[in-house]
């Protein structure tokens, strides 16, 4: 995987986006029309950035577990394509087929890391609009619609 990281603002808050560039000229992927969002809320207040430095290793561990579980329950049809960090939350996005069982990955993640508040939603994004939106930005002020949870019908 070739990953690109950039900083921007989401709803007037600092954000760090990590995106897998291997799909930038190859999307949408018709076999992966669904987008699952996993929101992992930080336990420590951010240190003037997106998260507390003391919590980085723990959040990286949660991310590694999520990647492993997405592989396990994705049935070969799931790709982790981007992550957004804003103050107090890391958001992970995985495109997948209808056969993938991301709700089982969510259930297993909650059991594996019970000390974190984790939320989960799946939406149809066959045109990969969310990936397109985040892959187009380079840095600084990105004209985003707000926290990605808002895009799934949640509140900011």
C-alpha atoms as a PDB file:
ATOM      1  CA  UNK A   1       0.000   0.000   0.000  1.00  0.00           C
ATOM      2  CA  UNK A   2       1.090   3.546  -0.715  1.00  0.00           C
ATOM      3  CA  UNK A   3      -0.293   5.886   1.893  1.00  0.00           C
ATOM      4  CA  UNK A   4      -0.477   9.668   1.769  1.00  0.00           C
ATOM      5  CA  UNK A   5      -0.973  11.809   4.852  1.00  0.00           C
ATOM      6  CA  UNK A   6      -2.145  15.393   4.848  1.00  0.00           C
ATOM      7  CA  UNK A   7      -3.556  17.904   7.281  1.00  0.00           C
ATOM      8  CA  UNK A   8      -6.695  19.919   6.751  1.00  0.00           C
ATOM      9  CA  UNK A   9      -9.645  21.269   8.675  1.00  0.00           C
ATOM     10  CA  UNK A  10     -12.923  19.460   9.193  1.00  0.00           C
ATOM     11  CA  UNK A  11     -15.691  21.633  10.637  1.00  0.00           C
ATOM     12  CA  UNK A  12     -13.070  24.207  11.652  1.00  0.00           C
ATOM     13  CA  UNK A  13     -11.110  21.580  13.581  1.00  0.00           C
ATOM     14  CA  UNK A  14      -7.646  20.266  12.753  1.00  0.00           C
ATOM     15  CA  UNK A  15      -7.670  16.935  10.951  1.00  0.00           C
ATOM     16  CA  UNK A  16      -5.093  14.450   9.788  1.00  0.00           C
ATOM     17  CA  UNK A  17      -6.090  12.266   6.859  1.00  0.00           C
ATOM     18  CA  UNK A  18      -4.312   9.046   5.925  1.00  0.00           C
ATOM     19  CA  UNK A  19      -5.407   7.673   2.548  1.00  0.00           C
ATOM     20  CA  UNK A  20      -4.388   4.654   0.496  1.00  0.00           C
ATOM     21  CA  UNK A  21      -3.261   6.001  -2.879  1.00  0.00           C
ATOM     22  CA  UNK A  22      -3.385   2.689  -4.707  1.00  0.00           C
ATOM     23  CA  UNK A  23      -7.038   3.368  -5.572  1.00  0.00           C
ATOM     24  CA  UNK A  24      -6.654   6.985  -6.726  1.00  0.00           C
ATOM     25  CA  UNK A  25      -6.770   6.047 -10.409  1.00  0.00           C
ATOM     26  CA  UNK A  26      -8.782   2.846  -9.981  1.00  0.00           C
ATOM     27  CA  UNK A  27     -12.043   3.763  -8.322  1.00  0.00           C
ATOM     28  CA  UNK A  28     -14.818   3.034  -7.960  1.00  0.00           C
ATOM     29  CA  UNK A  29     -14.319  -0.677  -7.512  1.00  0.00           C
ATOM     30  CA  UNK A  30     -17.661  -2.189  -8.576  1.00  0.00           C
ATOM     31  CA  UNK A  31     -17.225  -5.259  -6.367  1.00  0.00           C
ATOM     32  CA  UNK A  32     -16.931  -3.040  -3.253  1.00  0.00           C
ATOM     33  CA  UNK A  33     -20.048  -0.820  -3.173  1.00  0.00           C
ATOM     34  CA  UNK A  34     -20.467  -0.545   0.600  1.00  0.00           C
ATOM     35  CA  UNK A  35     -18.572   1.731   2.967  1.00  0.00           C
ATOM     36  CA  UNK A  36     -18.305   0.909   6.645  1.00  0.00           C
ATOM     37  CA  UNK A  37     -17.298   3.589   9.095  1.00  0.00           C
ATOM     38  CA  UNK A  38     -15.756   2.786  12.469  1.00  0.00           C
ATOM     39  CA  UNK A  39     -15.438   5.660  14.927  1.00  0.00           C
ATOM     40  CA  UNK A  40     -13.071   5.120  17.855  1.00  0.00           C
ATOM     41  CA  UNK A  41     -13.369   7.820  20.506  1.00  0.00           C
ATOM     42  CA  UNK A  42     -10.274   8.777  22.460  1.00  0.00           C
ATOM     43  CA  UNK A  43     -10.164   8.267  26.203  1.00  0.00           C
ATOM     44  CA  UNK A  44      -7.750  11.133  26.847  1.00  0.00           C
ATOM     45  CA  UNK A  45      -8.295  14.775  25.912  1.00  0.00           C
ATOM     46  CA  UNK A  46      -6.268  15.833  22.861  1.00  0.00           C
ATOM     47  CA  UNK A  47      -2.939  17.589  23.464  1.00  0.00           C
ATOM     48  CA  UNK A  48      -3.826  20.584  21.316  1.00  0.00           C
ATOM     49  CA  UNK A  49      -3.889  18.330  18.276  1.00  0.00           C
ATOM     50  CA  UNK A  50      -6.103  15.424  17.253  1.00  0.00           C
ATOM     51  CA  UNK A  51      -5.191  13.094  20.095  1.00  0.00           C
ATOM     52  CA  UNK A  52      -3.068  12.796  23.192  1.00  0.00           C
ATOM     53  CA  UNK A  53       0.418  11.529  22.415  1.00  0.00           C
ATOM     54  CA  UNK A  54       0.133   9.156  25.379  1.00  0.00           C
ATOM     55  CA  UNK A  55      -2.784   7.434  23.640  1.00  0.00           C
ATOM     56  CA  UNK A  56      -1.165   6.932  20.224  1.00  0.00           C
ATOM     57  CA  UNK A  57       0.122   3.402  20.853  1.00  0.00           C
ATOM     58  CA  UNK A  58      -3.227   2.282  22.228  1.00  0.00           C
ATOM     59  CA  UNK A  59      -5.142   3.706  19.260  1.00  0.00           C
ATOM     60  CA  UNK A  60      -2.652   2.116  16.860  1.00  0.00           C
ATOM     61  CA  UNK A  61      -3.365  -1.209  18.572  1.00  0.00           C
ATOM     62  CA  UNK A  62      -7.113  -0.690  18.024  1.00  0.00           C
ATOM     63  CA  UNK A  63      -6.430   0.105  14.365  1.00  0.00           C
ATOM     64  CA  UNK A  64      -4.340  -3.044  13.929  1.00  0.00           C
ATOM     65  CA  UNK A  65      -7.115  -5.140  15.473  1.00  0.00           C
ATOM     66  CA  UNK A  66      -9.673  -3.524  13.172  1.00  0.00           C
ATOM     67  CA  UNK A  67      -7.550  -4.276  10.103  1.00  0.00           C
ATOM     68  CA  UNK A  68      -7.177  -7.886  11.198  1.00  0.00           C
ATOM     69  CA  UNK A  69     -10.902  -8.258  11.869  1.00  0.00           C
ATOM     70  CA  UNK A  70     -11.832  -6.615   8.557  1.00  0.00           C
ATOM     71  CA  UNK A  71      -9.629  -9.175   6.850  1.00  0.00           C
ATOM     72  CA  UNK A  72     -11.205 -12.004   8.809  1.00  0.00           C
ATOM     73  CA  UNK A  73     -14.817 -10.958   8.274  1.00  0.00           C
ATOM     74  CA  UNK A  74     -14.323  -9.293   4.894  1.00  0.00           C
ATOM     75  CA  UNK A  75     -14.200 -12.680   3.185  1.00  0.00           C
ATOM     76  CA  UNK A  76     -11.578 -11.350   0.799  1.00  0.00           C
ATOM     77  CA  UNK A  77     -13.774  -8.441  -0.235  1.00  0.00           C
ATOM     78  CA  UNK A  78     -12.785  -5.566   2.056  1.00  0.00           C
ATOM     79  CA  UNK A  79     -10.202  -2.787   1.740  1.00  0.00           C
ATOM     80  CA  UNK A  80      -9.166  -0.256   4.371  1.00  0.00           C
ATOM     81  CA  UNK A  81      -8.832   2.946   2.362  1.00  0.00           C
ATOM     82  CA  UNK A  82      -8.625   5.918   4.699  1.00  0.00           C
ATOM     83  CA  UNK A  83      -8.509   7.212   8.251  1.00  0.00           C
ATOM     84  CA  UNK A  84      -9.434  10.625   9.569  1.00  0.00           C
ATOM     85  CA  UNK A  85      -8.274  11.899  12.935  1.00  0.00           C
ATOM     86  CA  UNK A  86      -9.933  14.949  14.451  1.00  0.00           C
ATOM     87  CA  UNK A  87      -9.748  16.042  18.092  1.00  0.00           C
ATOM     88  CA  UNK A  88     -11.049  13.174  20.190  1.00  0.00           C
ATOM     89  CA  UNK A  89     -11.849  10.617  17.473  1.00  0.00           C
ATOM     90  CA  UNK A  90     -10.222   8.418  14.852  1.00  0.00           C
ATOM     91  CA  UNK A  91     -12.492   7.392  11.990  1.00  0.00           C
ATOM     92  CA  UNK A  92     -11.725   4.378   9.805  1.00  0.00           C
ATOM     93  CA  UNK A  93     -13.331   3.673   6.421  1.00  0.00           C
ATOM     94  CA  UNK A  94     -13.468   0.282   4.759  1.00  0.00           C
ATOM     95  CA  UNK A  95     -15.027  -0.427   1.372  1.00  0.00           C
ATOM     96  CA  UNK A  96     -16.437  -3.911   0.978  1.00  0.00           C
ATOM     97  CA  UNK A  97     -18.878  -6.223  -0.776  1.00  0.00           C
ATOM     98  CA  UNK A  98     -22.297  -7.218   0.501  1.00  0.00           C
ATOM     99  CA  UNK A  99     -20.841 -10.618   1.449  1.00  0.00           C
ATOM    100  CA  UNK A 100     -18.431  -9.047   3.931  1.00  0.00           C
ATOM    101  CA  UNK A 101     -19.621  -9.170   7.529  1.00  0.00           C
ATOM    102  CA  UNK A 102     -18.375  -5.870   8.906  1.00  0.00           C
ATOM    103  CA  UNK A 103     -20.964  -5.889  11.690  1.00  0.00           C
ATOM    104  CA  UNK A 104     -19.237  -9.015  13.023  1.00  0.00           C
ATOM    105  CA  UNK A 105     -15.906  -7.204  12.825  1.00  0.00           C
ATOM    106  CA  UNK A 106     -17.474  -4.386  14.844  1.00  0.00           C
ATOM    107  CA  UNK A 107     -18.825  -6.787  17.471  1.00  0.00           C
ATOM    108  CA  UNK A 108     -15.446  -8.505  17.786  1.00  0.00           C
ATOM    109  CA  UNK A 109     -13.623  -5.165  18.010  1.00  0.00           C
ATOM    110  CA  UNK A 110     -15.866  -4.013  20.860  1.00  0.00           C
ATOM    111  CA  UNK A 111     -15.079  -7.225  22.739  1.00  0.00           C
ATOM    112  CA  UNK A 112     -11.357  -6.928  21.990  1.00  0.00           C
ATOM    113  CA  UNK A 113     -11.053  -3.318  23.150  1.00  0.00           C
ATOM    114  CA  UNK A 114     -13.818  -2.802  25.720  1.00  0.00           C
ATOM    115  CA  UNK A 115     -12.172   0.320  27.151  1.00  0.00           C
ATOM    116  CA  UNK A 116     -12.987   2.377  24.027  1.00  0.00           C
ATOM    117  CA  UNK A 117     -16.272   3.795  22.802  1.00  0.00           C
ATOM    118  CA  UNK A 118     -16.628   2.512  19.259  1.00  0.00           C
ATOM    119  CA  UNK A 119     -19.409   3.301  16.807  1.00  0.00           C
ATOM    120  CA  UNK A 120     -20.149   1.691  13.477  1.00  0.00           C
ATOM    121  CA  UNK A 121     -22.286   2.379  10.399  1.00  0.00           C
ATOM    122  CA  UNK A 122     -22.469   1.063   6.860  1.00  0.00           C
ATOM    123  CA  UNK A 123     -23.753   2.954   3.846  1.00  0.00           C
ATOM    124  CA  UNK A 124     -23.995   2.375   0.119  1.00  0.00           C
ATOM    125  CA  UNK A 125     -21.240   4.325  -1.661  1.00  0.00           C
ATOM    126  CA  UNK A 126     -20.922   2.439  -4.943  1.00  0.00           C
ATOM    127  CA  UNK A 127     -19.439   5.503  -6.651  1.00  0.00           C
ATOM    128  CA  UNK A 128     -16.816   5.842  -3.905  1.00  0.00           C
ATOM    129  CA  UNK A 129     -17.807   9.460  -3.285  1.00  0.00           C
ATOM    130  CA  UNK A 130     -16.207   9.537   0.157  1.00  0.00           C
ATOM    131  CA  UNK A 131     -12.904   8.228  -1.140  1.00  0.00           C
ATOM    132  CA  UNK A 132     -13.055  10.709  -4.031  1.00  0.00           C
ATOM    133  CA  UNK A 133     -13.716  13.571  -1.616  1.00  0.00           C
ATOM    134  CA  UNK A 134     -10.744  12.786   0.598  1.00  0.00           C
ATOM    135  CA  UNK A 135      -8.309  11.740  -2.134  1.00  0.00           C
ATOM    136  CA  UNK A 136      -8.792  15.053  -3.959  1.00  0.00           C
ATOM    137  CA  UNK A 137      -7.483  17.201  -1.111  1.00  0.00           C
ATOM    138  CA  UNK A 138      -3.860  17.986  -0.670  1.00  0.00           C
ATOM    139  CA  UNK A 139      -3.604  19.955   2.551  1.00  0.00           C
ATOM    140  CA  UNK A 140      -4.763  22.879   4.675  1.00  0.00           C
ATOM    141  CA  UNK A 141      -8.447  23.828   4.392  1.00  0.00           C
ATOM    142  CA  UNK A 142     -10.295  21.019   2.729  1.00  0.00           C
ATOM    143  CA  UNK A 143     -13.866  21.923   1.783  1.00  0.00           C
ATOM    144  CA  UNK A 144     -15.342  18.926   3.547  1.00  0.00           C
ATOM    145  CA  UNK A 145     -18.945  18.546   4.558  1.00  0.00           C
ATOM    146  CA  UNK A 146     -18.021  18.078   8.191  1.00  0.00           C
ATOM    147  CA  UNK A 147     -17.066  15.141  10.291  1.00  0.00           C
ATOM    148  CA  UNK A 148     -17.618  11.952   8.350  1.00  0.00           C
ATOM    149  CA  UNK A 149     -20.158  10.799  10.923  1.00  0.00           C
ATOM    150  CA  UNK A 150     -22.405  13.553   9.623  1.00  0.00           C
ATOM    151  CA  UNK A 151     -22.192  11.972   6.174  1.00  0.00           C
ATOM    152  CA  UNK A 152     -23.676   8.805   7.610  1.00  0.00           C
ATOM    153  CA  UNK A 153     -26.637  10.660   9.063  1.00  0.00           C
ATOM    154  CA  UNK A 154     -25.132  11.204  12.502  1.00  0.00           C
ATOM    155  CA  UNK A 155     -24.690  14.472  14.336  1.00  0.00           C
ATOM    156  CA  UNK A 156     -21.482  16.447  14.556  1.00  0.00           C
END
